[in-house]
Amino acid sequence: MIVGQQQVIEELLVALLARGHCLLVGVPGLAKTLMIRSLADALSLRFNRIQFTPDLMPSDITGTDVIQEDRSTGYREFRFMPGPVFANVILADEINRTPPKTQAALLEAMQEHQVTVGGKRHLLQEPFFVLATQNPIEHEGTYPLPEAQLDRFMFNVLVNYPSEDEELEIVRRTTAEQQATVSTTLGADEILDLTRIVRRIPIADHTARYALRLARMTRANQPDAPEFVRDYVMWGAGPRASQYMVLGAKARAVLRGRNYASLEDIRAVAPPVLRHRIKTNFNADAEGISPDEIVRRLLESIPEDNDRQDSRGKLPSVFRSADAG
């Protein structure tokens, strides 16, 4: 169904196994919607698409209480009518086209896997996976997502243009009579089992500390923050970044057939975890320094393995425990 985009697909699967949510950023026509629908079909999950528009109301997402009458008795009562959020895979298409009031309707669902309507809590189906799309080139008539909601997304996935060969294959497939189909691979219960397996994957202390240090070094107020972070970053990543890097590393290790998370896994998931959690300042905007560039410099400044020592023959601080000398 999908030509190319291997990294995007891997990041979607990593987020799914880690029970996270994804924000997909890319220009129109790159098969973001098709990719999400195909993923839901391959996993035999219930899929709902919500097209975000300026007139969309919170109740259009979560559902609402309606009055229903029993014709035999004439008795009237309020009954909850579930909204499209009651599914396993939710495509929030063009999420930045609706006002913040409606955007916030997803906050409780994404974090607590429930919605509250009329003072009553309604649990969502498991697994629950929100995939939101956003067009980076349109700014008129859009409402940027607040930082509190951006932080709920595990990954910010960049969907880039295909290569020339991939684009040729796309044209061939989509202009022919034969249509591709998706075969079911896993079910909801199997996915839930896999998410529990991911959390049981061991991770070494120095690997977890690597993720922790990587997130903390994005904060300009930290004493050991690099000079370029102090110059270009207004605020950095919070504790969720460390959690998601560790969970993402575990899920990536499972996908690659390993029973442990490595530094390579941390470094692979760091860009999609951090790029939407770093807010650059005016100096960075003036010099064209993006959050991805900040992450790239951080990965270069922190060593990959504990064989590299500093000029005094000691291990870098990222590999030392807090009480080590």
Protein backbone atom coordinates (compact mmCIF):
# COMPACT_ATOMS: atom_id res chain seq x y z
CA MET A 1 0.00 0.00 0.00
CA ILE A 2 2.78 2.42 0.92
CA VAL A 3 5.91 2.96 -1.18
CA GLY A 4 8.95 3.99 0.83
CA GLN A 5 8.54 5.95 4.09
CA GLN A 6 10.21 3.11 6.00
CA GLN A 7 11.38 5.36 8.83
CA VAL A 8 7.91 6.86 9.24
CA ILE A 9 6.32 3.41 9.38
CA GLU A 10 8.88 2.21 11.93
CA GLU A 11 8.25 5.25 14.13
CA LEU A 12 4.49 4.64 13.96
CA LEU A 13 4.97 1.03 15.03
CA VAL A 14 7.34 2.05 17.83
CA ALA A 15 4.78 4.51 19.18
CA LEU A 16 2.03 1.90 18.90
CA LEU A 17 4.01 -0.70 20.88
CA ALA A 18 4.94 1.94 23.46
CA ARG A 19 1.26 3.02 23.78
CA GLY A 20 2.06 6.54 22.64
CA HIS A 21 0.50 8.99 20.18
CA CYS A 22 1.97 10.50 17.03
CA LEU A 23 1.84 13.89 15.33
CA LEU A 24 2.56 13.54 11.60
CA VAL A 25 3.81 16.71 9.92
CA GLY A 26 3.99 16.84 6.15
CA VAL A 27 2.66 18.60 3.07
CA PRO A 28 -0.53 17.30 1.41
CA GLY A 29 -0.36 14.29 -0.88
CA LEU A 30 2.25 12.23 0.98
CA ALA A 31 -0.20 9.44 1.92
CA LYS A 32 -0.41 10.28 5.62
CA THR A 33 -4.09 9.34 5.79
CA LEU A 34 -3.59 6.20 3.68
CA MET A 35 -0.70 5.15 5.90
CA ILE A 36 -2.77 5.44 9.06
CA ARG A 37 -5.78 3.65 7.59
CA SER A 38 -3.56 0.84 6.26
CA LEU A 39 -1.98 0.46 9.69
CA ALA A 40 -5.41 0.11 11.30
CA ASP A 41 -6.48 -2.45 8.67
CA ALA A 42 -3.29 -4.50 9.10
CA LEU A 43 -3.88 -4.64 12.84
CA SER A 44 -7.64 -5.28 12.56
CA LEU A 45 -8.34 -2.26 14.74
CA ARG A 46 -11.40 -0.06 14.68
CA PHE A 47 -10.55 3.13 12.80
CA ASN A 48 -12.26 6.54 12.88
CA ARG A 49 -11.29 9.71 11.06
CA ILE A 50 -12.08 13.13 12.50
CA GLN A 51 -11.73 16.02 10.04
CA PHE A 52 -10.91 19.06 12.14
CA THR A 53 -12.60 22.25 10.96
CA PRO A 54 -13.10 25.70 12.55
CA ASP A 55 -16.75 24.90 13.41
CA LEU A 56 -16.03 21.52 15.05
CA MET A 57 -17.28 21.34 18.66
CA PRO A 58 -15.87 19.24 21.53
CA SER A 59 -19.07 17.17 21.67
CA ASP A 60 -18.54 16.28 18.01
CA ILE A 61 -15.44 14.37 19.16
CA THR A 62 -16.30 12.97 22.57
CA GLY A 63 -20.05 12.42 22.15
CA THR A 64 -22.96 13.87 24.06
CA ASP A 65 -26.01 13.02 26.19
CA VAL A 66 -29.28 12.99 24.28
CA ILE A 67 -32.87 12.57 25.51
CA GLN A 68 -34.47 9.31 24.47
CA GLU A 69 -38.09 8.35 25.12
CA ASP A 70 -39.40 4.87 25.82
CA ARG A 71 -42.47 4.67 23.57
CA SER A 72 -44.16 2.02 25.69
CA THR A 73 -43.97 3.93 28.98
CA GLY A 74 -43.36 7.51 27.84
CA TYR A 75 -40.38 7.69 30.20
CA ARG A 76 -37.57 9.98 29.08
CA GLU A 77 -33.94 9.68 30.06
CA PHE A 78 -30.55 10.93 29.05
CA ARG A 79 -28.46 8.42 27.14
CA PHE A 80 -24.84 8.84 26.13
CA MET A 81 -24.14 8.71 22.40
CA PRO A 82 -20.43 7.98 21.85
CA GLY A 83 -18.46 10.19 19.49
CA PRO A 84 -15.83 9.16 16.94
CA VAL A 85 -13.13 9.14 19.62
CA PHE A 86 -14.47 5.73 20.71
CA ALA A 87 -12.24 3.66 18.44
CA ASN A 88 -8.79 2.07 18.54
CA VAL A 89 -7.05 4.25 15.95
CA ILE A 90 -8.09 7.90 15.67
CA LEU A 91 -6.97 10.00 12.73
CA ALA A 92 -7.17 13.66 13.79
CA ASP A 93 -6.82 15.15 10.32
CA GLU A 94 -5.45 18.71 10.20
CA ILE A 95 -5.70 19.08 13.94
CA ASN A 96 -4.45 22.68 13.82
CA ARG A 97 -7.52 23.82 11.85
CA THR A 98 -9.84 23.78 14.85
CA PRO A 99 -9.88 26.21 17.81
CA PRO A 100 -8.10 25.33 21.09
CA LYS A 101 -11.40 24.54 22.83
CA THR A 102 -11.98 21.62 20.48
CA GLN A 103 -8.32 20.61 20.40
CA ALA A 104 -8.46 20.30 24.19
CA ALA A 105 -11.26 17.73 23.88
CA LEU A 106 -8.57 15.22 22.98
CA LEU A 107 -6.37 16.00 26.00
CA GLU A 108 -8.20 13.82 28.50
CA ALA A 109 -8.66 11.05 25.95
CA MET A 110 -4.95 10.98 25.06
CA GLN A 111 -3.70 11.07 28.62
CA GLU A 112 -6.32 9.17 30.61
CA HIS A 113 -7.89 7.02 27.87
CA GLN A 114 -11.32 8.23 28.94
CA VAL A 115 -13.73 11.10 28.33
CA THR A 116 -15.97 12.90 30.80
CA VAL A 117 -19.42 13.95 29.55
CA GLY A 118 -22.16 15.22 31.82
CA GLY A 119 -20.08 14.45 34.89
CA LYS A 120 -19.72 10.76 33.95
CA ARG A 121 -16.53 9.05 32.89
CA HIS A 122 -16.55 6.81 29.85
CA LEU A 123 -13.57 4.53 29.26
CA LEU A 124 -12.14 4.26 25.76
CA GLN A 125 -11.39 1.03 23.95
CA GLU A 126 -7.89 -0.43 24.25
CA PRO A 127 -5.54 -0.12 22.53
CA PHE A 128 -6.11 3.59 21.92
CA PHE A 129 -3.86 5.36 19.47
CA VAL A 130 -4.20 8.99 18.26
CA LEU A 131 -2.51 9.98 15.01
CA ALA A 132 -2.81 13.67 14.23
CA THR A 133 -1.75 15.26 10.96
CA GLN A 134 -0.59 18.81 10.44
CA ASN A 135 0.29 20.81 7.34
CA PRO A 136 3.54 22.77 7.95
CA ILE A 137 3.14 25.21 5.04
CA GLU A 138 -0.27 26.70 5.87
CA HIS A 139 -0.58 29.23 8.67
CA GLU A 140 -3.69 31.28 7.77
CA GLY A 141 -6.80 30.07 9.54
CA THR A 142 -4.88 27.65 11.75
CA TYR A 143 -4.54 27.36 15.50
CA PRO A 144 -1.10 26.16 16.71
CA LEU A 145 -1.34 23.32 19.22
CA PRO A 146 -0.64 24.45 22.80
CA GLU A 147 2.51 23.11 24.42
CA ALA A 148 0.49 21.09 26.94
CA GLN A 149 -1.12 19.14 24.11
CA LEU A 150 2.08 18.81 22.06
CA ASP A 151 3.70 17.19 25.09
CA ARG A 152 1.04 14.43 24.99
CA PHE A 153 2.35 13.26 21.64
CA MET A 154 5.14 10.74 22.00
CA PHE A 155 6.56 11.38 18.52
CA ASN A 156 6.56 14.27 16.10
CA VAL A 157 7.06 12.39 12.83
CA LEU A 158 8.25 14.26 9.74
CA VAL A 159 6.82 12.87 6.50
CA ASN A 160 9.16 13.91 3.68
CA TYR A 161 8.88 13.72 -0.09
CA PRO A 162 9.61 10.33 -1.68
CA SER A 163 12.70 9.71 -3.77
CA GLU A 164 12.51 9.76 -7.56
CA ASP A 165 12.34 5.97 -7.85
CA GLU A 166 9.71 5.76 -5.10
CA GLU A 167 7.61 8.45 -6.73
CA LEU A 168 7.76 6.60 -10.06
CA GLU A 169 6.55 3.43 -8.33
CA ILE A 170 3.73 5.42 -6.68
CA VAL A 171 2.59 6.72 -10.07
CA ARG A 172 2.69 3.22 -11.56
CA ARG A 173 0.63 1.68 -8.75
CA THR A 174 -1.98 4.40 -8.43
CA THR A 175 -2.67 4.73 -12.15
CA ALA A 176 -3.10 1.00 -12.83
CA GLU A 177 -6.28 -1.04 -12.59
CA GLN A 178 -4.95 -3.41 -9.94
CA GLN A 179 -5.56 -2.25 -6.36
CA ALA A 180 -3.39 -3.23 -3.41
CA THR A 181 -5.00 -4.76 -0.33
CA VAL A 182 -3.90 -5.03 3.28
CA SER A 183 -3.95 -8.37 5.05
CA THR A 184 -4.67 -8.60 8.77
CA THR A 185 -1.57 -9.38 10.82
CA LEU A 186 -2.42 -8.81 14.48
CA GLY A 187 -5.47 -8.28 16.63
CA ALA A 188 -6.20 -5.95 19.54
CA ASP A 189 -5.46 -8.57 22.20
CA GLU A 190 -2.11 -9.45 20.61
CA ILE A 191 -1.15 -5.78 20.45
CA LEU A 192 -1.95 -5.34 24.13
CA ASP A 193 0.24 -8.36 24.91
CA LEU A 194 3.08 -6.82 22.90
CA THR A 195 2.77 -3.51 24.74
CA ARG A 196 3.17 -5.37 28.03
CA ILE A 197 6.21 -7.22 26.67
CA VAL A 198 7.80 -3.91 25.66
CA ARG A 199 7.60 -2.58 29.20
CA ARG A 200 9.35 -5.73 30.48
CA ILE A 201 12.36 -5.21 28.20
CA PRO A 202 15.40 -4.47 30.40
CA ILE A 203 17.46 -1.33 29.98
CA ALA A 204 20.88 -0.70 31.52
CA ASP A 205 21.28 2.17 33.98
CA HIS A 206 23.80 3.99 31.79
CA THR A 207 21.43 3.74 28.79
CA ALA A 208 18.53 5.18 30.77
CA ARG A 209 20.85 7.87 32.14
CA TYR A 210 21.85 8.70 28.55
CA ALA A 211 18.21 9.44 27.71
CA LEU A 212 17.82 11.43 30.90
CA ARG A 213 20.90 13.53 30.23
CA LEU A 214 19.87 14.10 26.63
CA ALA A 215 16.54 15.54 27.75
CA ARG A 216 18.01 17.61 30.59
CA MET A 217 20.65 19.16 28.35
CA THR A 218 17.91 20.78 26.25
CA ARG A 219 17.10 23.06 29.20
CA ALA A 220 19.00 26.33 29.06
CA ASN A 221 18.83 26.83 32.85
CA GLN A 222 20.78 23.66 33.60
CA PRO A 223 24.39 24.28 34.72
CA ASP A 224 25.79 21.69 32.30
CA ALA A 225 23.74 22.81 29.28
CA PRO A 226 25.90 23.36 26.17
CA GLU A 227 26.57 26.90 25.01
CA PHE A 228 24.45 26.51 21.86
CA VAL A 229 21.47 25.48 24.01
CA ARG A 230 21.86 28.61 26.14
CA ASP A 231 22.05 30.72 22.98
CA TYR A 232 19.18 29.26 21.00
CA VAL A 233 16.69 27.50 23.32
CA MET A 234 13.90 29.27 25.18
CA TRP A 235 12.66 26.16 26.98
CA GLY A 236 13.52 22.51 26.70
CA ALA A 237 12.03 19.07 27.11
CA GLY A 238 10.27 17.94 30.28
CA PRO A 239 10.29 14.57 32.07
CA ARG A 240 7.98 12.99 29.49
CA ALA A 241 10.82 13.18 26.97
CA SER A 242 13.00 10.88 29.07
CA GLN A 243 10.12 8.45 29.60
CA TYR A 244 9.24 8.34 25.91
CA MET A 245 12.86 7.91 24.81
CA VAL A 246 13.24 4.89 27.09
CA LEU A 247 9.89 3.39 26.02
CA GLY A 248 10.65 4.10 22.38
CA ALA A 249 14.06 2.47 22.71
CA LYS A 250 12.47 -0.65 24.21
CA ALA A 251 9.86 -0.86 21.45
CA ARG A 252 12.48 -0.35 18.74
CA ALA A 253 14.59 -3.11 20.26
CA VAL A 254 11.61 -5.48 20.10
CA LEU A 255 10.98 -4.60 16.45
CA ARG A 256 14.62 -5.36 15.70
CA GLY A 257 14.55 -8.70 17.48
CA ARG A 258 16.58 -7.73 20.55
CA ASN A 259 15.66 -8.33 24.18
CA TYR A 260 17.44 -5.23 25.50
CA ALA A 261 17.44 -1.50 24.72
CA SER A 262 20.72 0.04 23.57
CA LEU A 263 22.20 3.50 23.13
CA GLU A 264 21.58 3.15 19.41
CA ASP A 265 17.85 2.86 20.12
CA ILE A 266 17.90 5.96 22.31
CA ARG A 267 19.68 7.96 19.60
CA ALA A 268 17.25 6.73 16.93
CA VAL A 269 14.12 7.84 18.80
CA ALA A 270 15.60 11.08 20.19
CA PRO A 271 14.72 13.35 17.19
CA PRO A 272 10.99 12.50 16.99
CA VAL A 273 10.70 12.68 20.79
CA LEU A 274 12.52 16.00 21.23
CA ARG A 275 11.78 18.08 18.14
CA HIS A 276 8.36 19.26 19.35
CA ARG A 277 9.50 19.70 22.95
CA ILE A 278 12.22 22.26 22.22
CA LYS A 279 11.17 25.87 21.85
CA THR A 280 13.80 27.99 20.12
CA ASN A 281 14.20 31.72 20.71
CA PHE A 282 14.56 34.69 18.38
CA ASN A 283 18.30 34.18 17.94
CA ALA A 284 17.69 30.67 16.60
CA ASP A 285 14.96 31.89 14.25
CA ALA A 286 17.21 34.67 12.93
CA GLU A 287 20.05 32.24 12.23
CA GLY A 288 17.85 29.43 10.90
CA ILE A 289 18.56 27.03 13.78
CA SER A 290 15.73 24.50 14.07
CA PRO A 291 14.95 22.11 16.95
CA ASP A 292 16.23 19.27 14.77
CA GLU A 293 19.57 21.05 14.49
CA ILE A 294 19.68 21.42 18.29
CA VAL A 295 19.04 17.67 18.68
CA ARG A 296 21.70 16.84 16.09
CA ARG A 297 24.29 18.92 17.94
CA LEU A 298 23.33 17.33 21.24
CA LEU A 299 23.77 13.84 19.81
CA GLU A 300 27.19 14.85 18.52
CA SER A 301 28.25 16.35 21.85
CA ILE A 302 27.25 13.32 23.95
CA PRO A 303 29.43 10.23 23.30
CA GLU A 304 27.84 7.07 21.97
CA ASP A 305 29.66 4.61 24.20
CA ASN A 306 31.42 4.47 27.52
CA ASP A 307 34.79 3.77 25.94
CA ARG A 308 35.34 7.45 25.22
CA GLN A 309 37.00 9.27 28.09
CA ASP A 310 37.66 12.91 28.74
CA SER A 311 41.09 14.53 28.90
CA ARG A 312 41.50 13.51 32.56
CA GLY A 313 40.92 9.83 31.77
CA LYS A 314 37.48 9.76 33.39
CA LEU A 315 34.20 8.63 31.95
CA PRO A 316 31.89 11.38 30.66
CA SER A 317 29.41 12.47 33.31
CA VAL A 318 26.51 10.96 31.40
CA PHE A 319 27.83 7.48 32.25
CA ARG A 320 28.58 8.17 35.89
CA SER A 321 26.06 7.77 38.68
CA ALA A 322 25.15 10.79 40.74
CA ASP A 323 27.28 9.67 43.70
CA ALA A 324 30.29 8.65 41.60
CA GLY A 325 33.46 10.62 41.81
